[in-house]
Amino acid sequence: MTPRLNAKRFERLIIDRIRAHIRTESDVRDPVKLVNEEMDSVITEQQERLDAAEAELVEIRRRMDRPRGRRDYPREVSSRT
């Protein structure tokens, strides 16, 4: 004679296993929030680098527009990383 399965217990076991492998909205929300924060940080950093490069370009163009008779050589431009 084979032992009978308790249907309720078996159903609960199956449901618990399924739930353990299903991602819910709340499971995904925190990692998405972290990725968004990291992207915002990178965007801010890259915008600051772009602003600095544009300011440097404006200064270089201003120097290039000076009359040729003057000998104002630009000081060495420090490299930014």
C-alpha atoms as a PDB file:
ATOM      1  CA  MET A   1       0.000   0.000   0.000  1.00  0.00           C
ATOM      2  CA  THR A   2       1.330   3.432  -0.944  1.00  0.00           C
ATOM      3  CA  PRO A   3       1.121   6.257   1.538  1.00  0.00           C
ATOM      4  CA  ARG A   4      -1.325   9.006   0.722  1.00  0.00           C
ATOM      5  CA  LEU A   5      -0.217  12.586   0.359  1.00  0.00           C
ATOM      6  CA  ASN A   6      -1.806  15.224   2.468  1.00  0.00           C
ATOM      7  CA  ALA A   7      -3.286  17.420  -0.300  1.00  0.00           C
ATOM      8  CA  LYS A   8      -3.225  20.649   1.703  1.00  0.00           C
ATOM      9  CA  ARG A   9       0.358  20.095   2.816  1.00  0.00           C
ATOM     10  CA  PHE A  10       1.458  19.176  -0.693  1.00  0.00           C
ATOM     11  CA  GLU A  11      -0.327  22.230  -2.158  1.00  0.00           C
ATOM     12  CA  ARG A  12       1.312  24.526   0.422  1.00  0.00           C
ATOM     13  CA  LEU A  13       4.747  23.039  -0.373  1.00  0.00           C
ATOM     14  CA  ILE A  14       4.287  23.637  -4.116  1.00  0.00           C
ATOM     15  CA  ILE A  15       2.980  27.182  -3.595  1.00  0.00           C
ATOM     16  CA  ASP A  16       5.870  28.034  -1.265  1.00  0.00           C
ATOM     17  CA  ARG A  17       8.410  26.758  -3.798  1.00  0.00           C
ATOM     18  CA  ILE A  18       6.806  28.765  -6.601  1.00  0.00           C
ATOM     19  CA  ARG A  19       6.744  31.908  -4.480  1.00  0.00           C
ATOM     20  CA  ALA A  20      10.418  31.456  -3.607  1.00  0.00           C
ATOM     21  CA  HIS A  21      11.296  31.674  -7.299  1.00  0.00           C
ATOM     22  CA  ILE A  22       8.988  34.495  -8.392  1.00  0.00           C
ATOM     23  CA  ARG A  23      10.209  38.081  -8.303  1.00  0.00           C
ATOM     24  CA  THR A  24       7.716  40.564  -6.983  1.00  0.00           C
ATOM     25  CA  GLU A  25       7.630  44.285  -7.551  1.00  0.00           C
ATOM     26  CA  SER A  26       9.050  44.925  -4.102  1.00  0.00           C
ATOM     27  CA  ASP A  27      11.950  42.514  -4.796  1.00  0.00           C
ATOM     28  CA  VAL A  28      12.885  44.506  -7.882  1.00  0.00           C
ATOM     29  CA  ARG A  29      12.298  48.006  -6.539  1.00  0.00           C
ATOM     30  CA  ASP A  30      15.441  48.278  -4.366  1.00  0.00           C
ATOM     31  CA  PRO A  31      17.948  47.165  -7.033  1.00  0.00           C
ATOM     32  CA  VAL A  32      16.316  49.486  -9.567  1.00  0.00           C
ATOM     33  CA  LYS A  33      16.558  52.352  -7.102  1.00  0.00           C
ATOM     34  CA  LEU A  34      20.271  51.644  -6.561  1.00  0.00           C
ATOM     35  CA  VAL A  35      20.927  51.549 -10.303  1.00  0.00           C
ATOM     36  CA  ASN A  36      19.078  54.851 -10.773  1.00  0.00           C
ATOM     37  CA  GLU A  37      21.112  56.487  -8.016  1.00  0.00           C
ATOM     38  CA  GLU A  38      24.362  55.249  -9.560  1.00  0.00           C
ATOM     39  CA  MET A  39      23.324  56.505 -12.998  1.00  0.00           C
ATOM     40  CA  ASP A  40      22.445  59.918 -11.550  1.00  0.00           C
ATOM     41  CA  SER A  41      25.863  60.067  -9.920  1.00  0.00           C
ATOM     42  CA  VAL A  42      27.631  59.169 -13.166  1.00  0.00           C
ATOM     43  CA  ILE A  43      25.564  61.712 -15.114  1.00  0.00           C
ATOM     44  CA  THR A  44      26.440  64.445 -12.616  1.00  0.00           C
ATOM     45  CA  GLU A  45      30.132  63.564 -12.772  1.00  0.00           C
ATOM     46  CA  GLN A  46      30.166  63.513 -16.572  1.00  0.00           C
ATOM     47  CA  GLN A  47      28.269  66.822 -16.732  1.00  0.00           C
ATOM     48  CA  GLU A  48      30.888  68.418 -14.482  1.00  0.00           C
ATOM     49  CA  ARG A  49      33.672  67.129 -16.749  1.00  0.00           C
ATOM     50  CA  LEU A  50      31.832  68.411 -19.824  1.00  0.00           C
ATOM     51  CA  ASP A  51      31.301  71.843 -18.229  1.00  0.00           C
ATOM     52  CA  ALA A  52      35.003  72.067 -17.377  1.00  0.00           C
ATOM     53  CA  ALA A  53      36.008  71.079 -20.928  1.00  0.00           C
ATOM     54  CA  GLU A  54      33.605  73.620 -22.439  1.00  0.00           C
ATOM     55  CA  ALA A  55      34.939  76.377 -20.166  1.00  0.00           C
ATOM     56  CA  GLU A  56      38.477  75.483 -21.201  1.00  0.00           C
ATOM     57  CA  LEU A  57      37.454  75.554 -24.871  1.00  0.00           C
ATOM     58  CA  VAL A  58      35.892  79.014 -24.444  1.00  0.00           C
ATOM     59  CA  GLU A  59      39.135  80.253 -22.902  1.00  0.00           C
ATOM     60  CA  ILE A  60      41.235  78.769 -25.719  1.00  0.00           C
ATOM     61  CA  ARG A  61      38.983  80.348 -28.352  1.00  0.00           C
ATOM     62  CA  ARG A  62      39.185  83.688 -26.539  1.00  0.00           C
ATOM     63  CA  ARG A  63      42.975  83.507 -26.618  1.00  0.00           C
ATOM     64  CA  MET A  64      42.976  82.589 -30.295  1.00  0.00           C
ATOM     65  CA  ASP A  65      40.816  85.625 -31.106  1.00  0.00           C
ATOM     66  CA  ARG A  66      43.395  88.069 -29.697  1.00  0.00           C
ATOM     67  CA  PRO A  67      45.240  90.235 -32.203  1.00  0.00           C
ATOM     68  CA  ARG A  68      48.324  88.537 -33.656  1.00  0.00           C
ATOM     69  CA  GLY A  69      50.690  91.311 -32.568  1.00  0.00           C
ATOM     70  CA  ARG A  70      50.498  90.351 -28.915  1.00  0.00           C
ATOM     71  CA  ARG A  71      52.684  87.608 -27.562  1.00  0.00           C
ATOM     72  CA  ASP A  72      50.439  86.382 -24.775  1.00  0.00           C
ATOM     73  CA  TYR A  73      51.094  82.695 -24.780  1.00  0.00           C
ATOM     74  CA  PRO A  74      48.692  80.674 -22.701  1.00  0.00           C
ATOM     75  CA  ARG A  75      50.015  79.117 -19.589  1.00  0.00           C
ATOM     76  CA  GLU A  76      50.288  75.376 -19.615  1.00  0.00           C
ATOM     77  CA  VAL A  77      46.856  73.855 -19.264  1.00  0.00           C
ATOM     78  CA  SER A  78      46.655  71.260 -16.535  1.00  0.00           C
ATOM     79  CA  SER A  79      45.223  67.940 -17.603  1.00  0.00           C
ATOM     80  CA  ARG A  80      42.024  66.879 -15.883  1.00  0.00           C
ATOM     81  CA  THR A  81      40.986  63.335 -15.223  1.00  0.00           C
END
